[in-house]
Amino acid sequence: MNQRSQTPDERLLIKLYQVAMESGDPFSHIDLRGAAASLGQKEIAVKNIVKLLAQANFVKKIDDSTVHLTQRGCDFVLDFLEGS
């Protein structure tokens, strides 16, 4: 992982990418409840972060508990991981 400390937004984006890649497709739909639990975050906190990430075009909300990464979100994660 990257040497600098990660923000909750960065940790969530990385986790979403990892979960999506388990299915082999970085743009697959992701259930936020599982991501929240694996990060040790409350579901409401994750939903608030997702709202901001959606506004910044890193994720696209499908419904209240499902998202998928956008190209911008995937590019950010890949750039972040390459910089580590």
C-alpha atoms as a PDB file:
ATOM      1  CA  MET A   1       0.000   0.000   0.000  1.00  0.00           C
ATOM      2  CA  ASN A   2       0.915   3.600  -0.321  1.00  0.00           C
ATOM      3  CA  GLN A   3       3.252   5.078   2.289  1.00  0.00           C
ATOM      4  CA  ARG A   4       1.105   8.150   2.899  1.00  0.00           C
ATOM      5  CA  SER A   5      -1.956   7.842   5.071  1.00  0.00           C
ATOM      6  CA  GLN A   6      -5.181   7.095   3.277  1.00  0.00           C
ATOM      7  CA  THR A   7      -8.394   9.037   3.658  1.00  0.00           C
ATOM      8  CA  PRO A   8     -11.654   7.157   4.247  1.00  0.00           C
ATOM      9  CA  ASP A   9     -12.609   8.052   0.661  1.00  0.00           C
ATOM     10  CA  GLU A  10      -9.429   6.479  -0.709  1.00  0.00           C
ATOM     11  CA  ARG A  11      -9.822   3.357   1.437  1.00  0.00           C
ATOM     12  CA  LEU A  12     -13.407   2.937   0.226  1.00  0.00           C
ATOM     13  CA  LEU A  13     -12.484   3.394  -3.438  1.00  0.00           C
ATOM     14  CA  ILE A  14      -9.707   0.837  -3.127  1.00  0.00           C
ATOM     15  CA  LYS A  15     -12.032  -1.618  -1.360  1.00  0.00           C
ATOM     16  CA  LEU A  16     -14.726  -1.126  -4.031  1.00  0.00           C
ATOM     17  CA  TYR A  17     -12.143  -1.797  -6.726  1.00  0.00           C
ATOM     18  CA  GLN A  18     -10.932  -4.954  -4.949  1.00  0.00           C
ATOM     19  CA  VAL A  19     -14.486  -6.246  -4.536  1.00  0.00           C
ATOM     20  CA  ALA A  20     -15.321  -5.486  -8.169  1.00  0.00           C
ATOM     21  CA  MET A  21     -12.171  -7.229  -9.390  1.00  0.00           C
ATOM     22  CA  GLU A  22     -13.150 -10.402  -7.522  1.00  0.00           C
ATOM     23  CA  SER A  23     -15.753 -10.808 -10.263  1.00  0.00           C
ATOM     24  CA  GLY A  24     -13.166  -9.960 -12.923  1.00  0.00           C
ATOM     25  CA  ASP A  25     -14.837  -6.698 -13.987  1.00  0.00           C
ATOM     26  CA  PRO A  26     -13.881  -3.359 -12.397  1.00  0.00           C
ATOM     27  CA  PHE A  27     -17.275  -1.946 -13.415  1.00  0.00           C
ATOM     28  CA  SER A  28     -19.408  -4.666 -11.820  1.00  0.00           C
ATOM     29  CA  HIS A  29     -22.110  -3.762  -9.320  1.00  0.00           C
ATOM     30  CA  ILE A  30     -21.005  -3.720  -5.687  1.00  0.00           C
ATOM     31  CA  ASP A  31     -23.120  -4.098  -2.554  1.00  0.00           C
ATOM     32  CA  LEU A  32     -22.092  -1.356  -0.120  1.00  0.00           C
ATOM     33  CA  ARG A  33     -23.084  -3.348   2.955  1.00  0.00           C
ATOM     34  CA  GLY A  34     -20.259  -5.820   2.422  1.00  0.00           C
ATOM     35  CA  ALA A  35     -17.746  -3.053   1.741  1.00  0.00           C
ATOM     36  CA  ALA A  36     -18.793  -1.188   4.890  1.00  0.00           C
ATOM     37  CA  ALA A  37     -18.381  -4.287   7.031  1.00  0.00           C
ATOM     38  CA  SER A  38     -14.982  -5.167   5.591  1.00  0.00           C
ATOM     39  CA  LEU A  39     -13.716  -1.634   6.240  1.00  0.00           C
ATOM     40  CA  GLY A  40     -15.083  -1.581   9.772  1.00  0.00           C
ATOM     41  CA  GLN A  41     -17.254   1.438   8.926  1.00  0.00           C
ATOM     42  CA  LYS A  42     -20.890   1.974   9.708  1.00  0.00           C
ATOM     43  CA  GLU A  43     -23.174   1.707   6.715  1.00  0.00           C
ATOM     44  CA  ILE A  44     -24.347   5.323   7.102  1.00  0.00           C
ATOM     45  CA  ALA A  45     -20.742   6.575   7.012  1.00  0.00           C
ATOM     46  CA  VAL A  46     -20.085   4.623   3.817  1.00  0.00           C
ATOM     47  CA  LYS A  47     -23.274   6.001   2.258  1.00  0.00           C
ATOM     48  CA  ASN A  48     -22.132   9.542   3.054  1.00  0.00           C
ATOM     49  CA  ILE A  49     -18.741   8.897   1.470  1.00  0.00           C
ATOM     50  CA  VAL A  50     -20.405   7.330  -1.574  1.00  0.00           C
ATOM     51  CA  LYS A  51     -22.573  10.417  -1.979  1.00  0.00           C
ATOM     52  CA  LEU A  52     -19.434  12.557  -2.221  1.00  0.00           C
ATOM     53  CA  LEU A  53     -17.677  10.083  -4.505  1.00  0.00           C
ATOM     54  CA  ALA A  54     -20.707  10.061  -6.807  1.00  0.00           C
ATOM     55  CA  GLN A  55     -20.698  13.864  -6.955  1.00  0.00           C
ATOM     56  CA  ALA A  56     -17.028  13.727  -7.953  1.00  0.00           C
ATOM     57  CA  ASN A  57     -17.809  11.058 -10.606  1.00  0.00           C
ATOM     58  CA  PHE A  58     -15.737   8.292  -9.000  1.00  0.00           C
ATOM     59  CA  VAL A  59     -18.743   5.983  -8.537  1.00  0.00           C
ATOM     60  CA  LYS A  60     -22.216   5.690 -10.004  1.00  0.00           C
ATOM     61  CA  LYS A  61     -25.077   4.872  -7.643  1.00  0.00           C
ATOM     62  CA  ILE A  62     -27.403   2.148  -8.883  1.00  0.00           C
ATOM     63  CA  ASP A  63     -29.686   2.251  -5.834  1.00  0.00           C
ATOM     64  CA  ASP A  64     -29.324   2.941  -2.100  1.00  0.00           C
ATOM     65  CA  SER A  65     -27.003   0.012  -1.458  1.00  0.00           C
ATOM     66  CA  THR A  66     -25.428  -0.697  -4.868  1.00  0.00           C
ATOM     67  CA  VAL A  67     -22.773   1.204  -6.813  1.00  0.00           C
ATOM     68  CA  HIS A  68     -20.248   0.638  -9.556  1.00  0.00           C
ATOM     69  CA  LEU A  69     -16.959   2.372 -10.212  1.00  0.00           C
ATOM     70  CA  THR A  70     -16.692   4.803 -13.087  1.00  0.00           C
ATOM     71  CA  GLN A  71     -13.695   4.983 -15.392  1.00  0.00           C
ATOM     72  CA  ARG A  72     -12.451   7.927 -13.334  1.00  0.00           C
ATOM     73  CA  GLY A  73     -12.737   5.865 -10.132  1.00  0.00           C
ATOM     74  CA  CYS A  74     -10.833   2.941 -11.654  1.00  0.00           C
ATOM     75  CA  ASP A  75      -8.141   5.264 -13.002  1.00  0.00           C
ATOM     76  CA  PHE A  76      -7.740   6.876  -9.576  1.00  0.00           C
ATOM     77  CA  VAL A  77      -7.328   3.529  -7.815  1.00  0.00           C
ATOM     78  CA  LEU A  78      -4.846   2.229 -10.380  1.00  0.00           C
ATOM     79  CA  ASP A  79      -2.801   5.452 -10.191  1.00  0.00           C
ATOM     80  CA  PHE A  80      -2.930   5.325  -6.390  1.00  0.00           C
ATOM     81  CA  LEU A  81      -1.778   1.707  -6.258  1.00  0.00           C
ATOM     82  CA  GLU A  82       1.007   2.282  -8.806  1.00  0.00           C
ATOM     83  CA  GLY A  83       2.324   5.139  -6.668  1.00  0.00           C
ATOM     84  CA  SER A  84       2.846   2.859  -3.688  1.00  0.00           C
END
